[in-house]
């Protein structure tokens, strides 16, 4: 199996405007040797604006054009799950969107912290179980994308582990921009996720700014080069970058010239 490289898309409409439409976005993704783009489709039980109103037809067009170019489109959801009933409703909403838009995979962007996952262990179990059932019913791969060192967030580790055990892939958010080195951050993530048995497929810092982003466009490109080589050296079967709109041109140049 060849190594795959993906890119998150948070807000689709401005990305399309910047790139010049669906066809141009797909062409850029293929030039960058991406295997997939990962688009936000839901926040809790609510479909996200990338797939509502007029954007629904645009999303359908994007998926069709992407598939024509051998590019996958995965969707991701930020779950909140304040109750077990809400957890099940959020999973159902995600399942319906994955089916409606013929998505190639589903990602649970379940993160610790007050603005993200609200529920406890029971809610985590309800969400993870319902998402596993949804993925099985649709025959789609299921990923978990969360804080790369879950032990750093008070009370998050048990809930993280409960959700992650239902996933096929682990996409830890290794935002190494302000770390001493790329390897140091990846190593800490490996340690923090050592209790999971699913494939480790890190998310790189493909942006400039706070919250683990890189100090400059050049630093983003240099660290991406190191990150890609590290993923190859460690034989990770896939890796990705957060996120399209924040990626400087220097990063795209690295992707355009570096095999996955």
Protein backbone atom coordinates (compact mmCIF):
# COMPACT_ATOMS: atom_id res chain seq x y z
CA UNK A 1 0.00 0.00 0.00
CA UNK A 2 1.42 3.36 -1.03
CA UNK A 3 1.73 6.18 1.47
CA UNK A 4 -1.09 8.71 1.40
CA UNK A 5 -1.03 12.45 2.06
CA UNK A 6 -4.10 14.52 2.92
CA UNK A 7 -5.05 18.12 3.67
CA UNK A 8 -7.78 19.43 5.95
CA UNK A 9 -10.23 22.04 4.68
CA UNK A 10 -12.05 24.01 7.36
CA UNK A 11 -14.01 26.69 5.48
CA UNK A 12 -14.63 25.54 1.93
CA UNK A 13 -16.23 28.62 0.36
CA UNK A 14 -13.24 31.00 0.84
CA UNK A 15 -10.87 28.25 -0.27
CA UNK A 16 -12.82 27.81 -3.50
CA UNK A 17 -12.88 31.57 -4.02
CA UNK A 18 -9.12 31.80 -3.54
CA UNK A 19 -8.38 28.86 -5.83
CA UNK A 20 -10.82 29.81 -8.60
CA UNK A 21 -13.42 27.10 -8.20
CA UNK A 22 -13.81 23.35 -7.83
CA UNK A 23 -11.74 22.32 -10.85
CA UNK A 24 -8.80 24.49 -9.81
CA UNK A 25 -8.94 23.17 -6.25
CA UNK A 26 -8.83 19.58 -7.47
CA UNK A 27 -5.97 20.38 -9.84
CA UNK A 28 -4.00 21.99 -7.00
CA UNK A 29 -4.61 18.99 -4.77
CA UNK A 30 -3.31 16.61 -7.39
CA UNK A 31 -0.23 18.77 -8.07
CA UNK A 32 0.47 18.61 -4.35
CA UNK A 33 0.29 14.80 -4.56
CA UNK A 34 -2.62 14.65 -2.16
CA UNK A 35 -4.56 11.41 -1.93
CA UNK A 36 -7.46 13.06 -0.15
CA UNK A 37 -8.93 16.32 1.07
CA UNK A 38 -10.69 16.30 4.44
CA UNK A 39 -13.63 18.73 4.59
CA UNK A 40 -15.56 19.76 7.70
CA UNK A 41 -19.16 18.63 7.30
CA UNK A 42 -20.68 18.85 10.80
CA UNK A 43 -20.43 20.62 14.13
CA UNK A 44 -22.31 18.57 16.69
CA UNK A 45 -25.60 17.50 15.15
CA UNK A 46 -25.65 20.51 12.80
CA UNK A 47 -24.41 20.24 9.22
CA UNK A 48 -21.56 22.70 8.75
CA UNK A 49 -21.85 25.57 6.27
CA UNK A 50 -19.61 23.72 3.80
CA UNK A 51 -22.57 21.44 3.04
CA UNK A 52 -25.64 23.65 3.62
CA UNK A 53 -27.65 25.92 1.34
CA UNK A 54 -26.06 26.59 -2.02
CA UNK A 55 -22.84 24.94 -0.82
CA UNK A 56 -24.54 21.53 -0.84
CA UNK A 57 -24.50 21.46 -4.65
CA UNK A 58 -20.94 22.75 -4.64
CA UNK A 59 -19.87 19.99 -2.27
CA UNK A 60 -21.51 17.38 -4.48
CA UNK A 61 -19.69 18.81 -7.48
CA UNK A 62 -16.40 18.79 -5.56
CA UNK A 63 -16.78 15.15 -4.60
CA UNK A 64 -17.64 14.17 -8.18
CA UNK A 65 -14.73 16.11 -9.69
CA UNK A 66 -12.36 14.78 -7.03
CA UNK A 67 -13.39 11.20 -7.72
CA UNK A 68 -12.90 11.78 -11.45
CA UNK A 69 -9.30 12.74 -10.63
CA UNK A 70 -8.64 9.84 -8.24
CA UNK A 71 -8.82 12.15 -5.24
CA UNK A 72 -10.76 11.11 -2.16
CA UNK A 73 -12.96 13.40 -0.08
CA UNK A 74 -13.32 12.59 3.61
CA UNK A 75 -15.59 14.46 5.99
CA UNK A 76 -14.94 15.47 9.59
CA UNK A 77 -17.19 16.36 12.47
CA UNK A 78 -16.53 18.16 15.75
CA UNK A 79 -18.60 16.23 18.33
CA UNK A 80 -19.88 17.90 21.51
CA UNK A 81 -22.09 15.15 22.98
CA UNK A 82 -23.44 16.77 26.17
CA UNK A 83 -25.75 13.76 26.67
CA UNK A 84 -25.86 10.20 25.37
CA UNK A 85 -28.92 11.11 23.29
CA UNK A 86 -27.01 14.02 21.77
CA UNK A 87 -24.05 11.72 21.08
CA UNK A 88 -26.26 9.36 19.12
CA UNK A 89 -27.91 12.25 17.26
CA UNK A 90 -24.53 13.68 16.30
CA UNK A 91 -23.36 10.33 14.98
CA UNK A 92 -26.58 9.96 13.00
CA UNK A 93 -26.14 13.43 11.49
CA UNK A 94 -22.61 12.56 10.41
CA UNK A 95 -23.71 9.24 8.96
CA UNK A 96 -26.42 10.93 6.91
CA UNK A 97 -23.97 13.47 5.51
CA UNK A 98 -21.40 10.80 4.66
CA UNK A 99 -24.07 8.92 2.75
CA UNK A 100 -25.55 12.01 1.08
CA UNK A 101 -22.22 13.27 -0.26
CA UNK A 102 -20.64 9.88 -0.98
CA UNK A 103 -17.70 10.65 1.30
CA UNK A 104 -14.75 8.27 1.20
CA UNK A 105 -14.09 8.34 4.94
CA UNK A 106 -15.27 9.82 8.24
CA UNK A 107 -13.16 11.58 10.86
CA UNK A 108 -14.14 12.22 14.47
CA UNK A 109 -12.43 15.50 15.41
CA UNK A 110 -13.03 14.79 19.08
CA UNK A 111 -10.88 17.08 21.21
CA UNK A 112 -10.65 17.86 24.90
CA UNK A 113 -11.37 21.31 26.26
CA UNK A 114 -14.46 23.31 27.15
CA UNK A 115 -15.34 24.31 23.59
CA UNK A 116 -15.10 20.78 22.21
CA UNK A 117 -16.28 17.52 23.79
CA UNK A 118 -18.74 18.23 26.60
CA UNK A 119 -19.75 14.74 27.68
CA UNK A 120 -18.23 12.22 30.05
CA UNK A 121 -17.23 8.61 29.60
CA UNK A 122 -20.77 7.41 28.88
CA UNK A 123 -21.21 10.02 26.17
CA UNK A 124 -17.82 9.14 24.68
CA UNK A 125 -18.82 5.48 24.59
CA UNK A 126 -22.19 6.31 23.01
CA UNK A 127 -20.60 8.46 20.33
CA UNK A 128 -17.78 6.06 19.53
CA UNK A 129 -20.12 3.08 19.38
CA UNK A 130 -22.63 4.89 17.14
CA UNK A 131 -19.86 6.12 14.84
CA UNK A 132 -18.46 2.60 14.54
CA UNK A 133 -21.90 1.33 13.60
CA UNK A 134 -22.30 4.14 11.05
CA UNK A 135 -18.91 3.45 9.46
CA UNK A 136 -19.66 -0.26 9.28
CA UNK A 137 -23.10 0.33 7.74
CA UNK A 138 -21.61 2.58 5.06
CA UNK A 139 -18.41 0.52 4.62
CA UNK A 140 -16.27 3.61 5.22
CA UNK A 141 -13.01 4.00 7.17
CA UNK A 142 -13.27 5.87 10.46
CA UNK A 143 -10.54 8.12 11.82
CA UNK A 144 -9.93 9.80 15.17
CA UNK A 145 -8.28 13.22 15.08
CA UNK A 146 -7.56 14.66 18.50
CA UNK A 147 -5.04 16.36 20.72
CA UNK A 148 -1.73 14.61 20.11
CA UNK A 149 -0.85 14.36 23.82
CA UNK A 150 -4.24 13.63 25.41
CA UNK A 151 -2.68 13.31 28.87
CA UNK A 152 -2.04 17.07 28.84
CA UNK A 153 -5.75 17.90 29.09
CA UNK A 154 -7.24 17.24 32.52
CA UNK A 155 -9.76 14.41 32.42
CA UNK A 156 -9.56 13.90 28.66
CA UNK A 157 -7.55 10.66 28.42
CA UNK A 158 -10.34 8.20 29.38
CA UNK A 159 -12.81 9.81 26.99
CA UNK A 160 -10.21 10.06 24.25
CA UNK A 161 -9.34 6.39 24.62
CA UNK A 162 -12.99 5.34 24.65
CA UNK A 163 -13.70 7.13 21.36
CA UNK A 164 -10.41 6.14 19.73
CA UNK A 165 -10.94 2.43 20.33
CA UNK A 166 -13.78 2.55 17.81
CA UNK A 167 -11.63 4.10 15.06
CA UNK A 168 -9.59 2.51 12.26
CA UNK A 169 -6.95 5.25 12.21
CA UNK A 170 -5.42 7.70 14.66
CA UNK A 171 -4.70 11.18 13.24
CA UNK A 172 -3.00 13.00 16.19
CA UNK A 173 -2.66 16.75 15.76
CA UNK A 174 1.11 17.10 16.06
CA UNK A 175 1.35 20.86 15.64
CA UNK A 176 5.12 21.18 15.90
CA UNK A 177 5.51 24.82 14.87
CA UNK A 178 6.73 26.05 18.26
CA UNK A 179 8.32 22.76 19.37
CA UNK A 180 12.11 22.40 19.72
CA UNK A 181 12.00 20.12 16.66
CA UNK A 182 9.54 18.17 14.56
CA UNK A 183 10.85 14.88 15.90
CA UNK A 184 10.51 15.96 19.52
CA UNK A 185 6.81 16.69 19.05
CA UNK A 186 6.16 13.48 17.11
CA UNK A 187 8.00 11.47 19.76
CA UNK A 188 5.83 12.97 22.52
CA UNK A 189 2.73 12.12 20.49
CA UNK A 190 3.93 8.55 19.96
CA UNK A 191 4.37 8.20 23.72
CA UNK A 192 0.98 9.79 24.43
CA UNK A 193 -0.76 7.42 22.03
CA UNK A 194 1.21 4.26 22.78
CA UNK A 195 -1.83 2.62 24.40
CA UNK A 196 -3.70 2.62 21.07
CA UNK A 197 -3.23 -0.18 18.56
CA UNK A 198 -4.65 1.52 15.45
CA UNK A 199 -2.25 3.03 12.87
CA UNK A 200 -0.57 6.29 13.91
CA UNK A 201 -0.88 8.84 11.10
CA UNK A 202 0.19 12.32 12.31
CA UNK A 203 -1.19 15.69 11.30
CA UNK A 204 1.49 18.27 10.49
CA UNK A 205 1.43 22.01 11.10
CA UNK A 206 0.71 23.36 7.62
CA UNK A 207 0.04 26.91 8.79
CA UNK A 208 1.71 29.98 10.24
CA UNK A 209 0.60 31.39 13.58
CA UNK A 210 -0.36 30.57 17.14
CA UNK A 211 -1.51 27.25 18.54
CA UNK A 212 1.40 25.21 17.25
CA UNK A 213 1.66 26.90 13.87
CA UNK A 214 5.00 27.75 12.34
CA UNK A 215 6.87 31.02 12.85
CA UNK A 216 7.04 31.89 9.14
CA UNK A 217 6.24 30.55 5.71
CA UNK A 218 9.83 29.41 5.30
CA UNK A 219 9.78 27.64 8.66
CA UNK A 220 6.51 25.96 7.65
CA UNK A 221 8.13 24.65 4.47
CA UNK A 222 11.33 23.55 6.21
CA UNK A 223 9.49 21.73 8.97
CA UNK A 224 7.10 20.11 6.49
CA UNK A 225 10.09 18.70 4.62
CA UNK A 226 11.44 17.24 7.86
CA UNK A 227 7.99 15.96 8.83
CA UNK A 228 7.47 14.18 5.50
CA UNK A 229 10.88 12.54 5.69
CA UNK A 230 10.23 11.45 9.26
CA UNK A 231 6.94 9.85 8.21
CA UNK A 232 8.80 7.99 5.47
CA UNK A 233 11.62 6.90 7.79
CA UNK A 234 9.12 5.56 10.33
CA UNK A 235 6.98 3.98 7.62
CA UNK A 236 3.76 5.71 8.63
CA UNK A 237 1.20 4.69 6.03
CA UNK A 238 -0.33 8.16 5.90
CA UNK A 239 0.00 11.72 7.16
CA UNK A 240 -1.81 15.00 6.67
CA UNK A 241 -1.59 18.75 7.15
CA UNK A 242 -3.84 21.31 8.85
CA UNK A 243 -4.98 23.27 6.89
CA UNK A 244 -5.55 24.37 3.28
CA UNK A 245 -6.48 28.03 3.81
CA UNK A 246 -3.59 28.59 6.20
CA UNK A 247 -0.95 26.87 4.10
CA UNK A 248 1.64 29.33 2.72
CA UNK A 249 2.86 29.07 -0.86
CA UNK A 250 6.20 27.76 0.41
CA UNK A 251 4.44 24.70 1.81
CA UNK A 252 2.62 24.03 -1.45
CA UNK A 253 5.98 24.17 -3.24
CA UNK A 254 7.29 21.46 -0.91
CA UNK A 255 4.23 19.31 -1.56
CA UNK A 256 4.45 19.85 -5.33
CA UNK A 257 8.05 18.67 -5.44
CA UNK A 258 8.16 15.99 -2.73
CA UNK A 259 6.67 12.53 -3.25
CA UNK A 260 4.33 11.36 -0.52
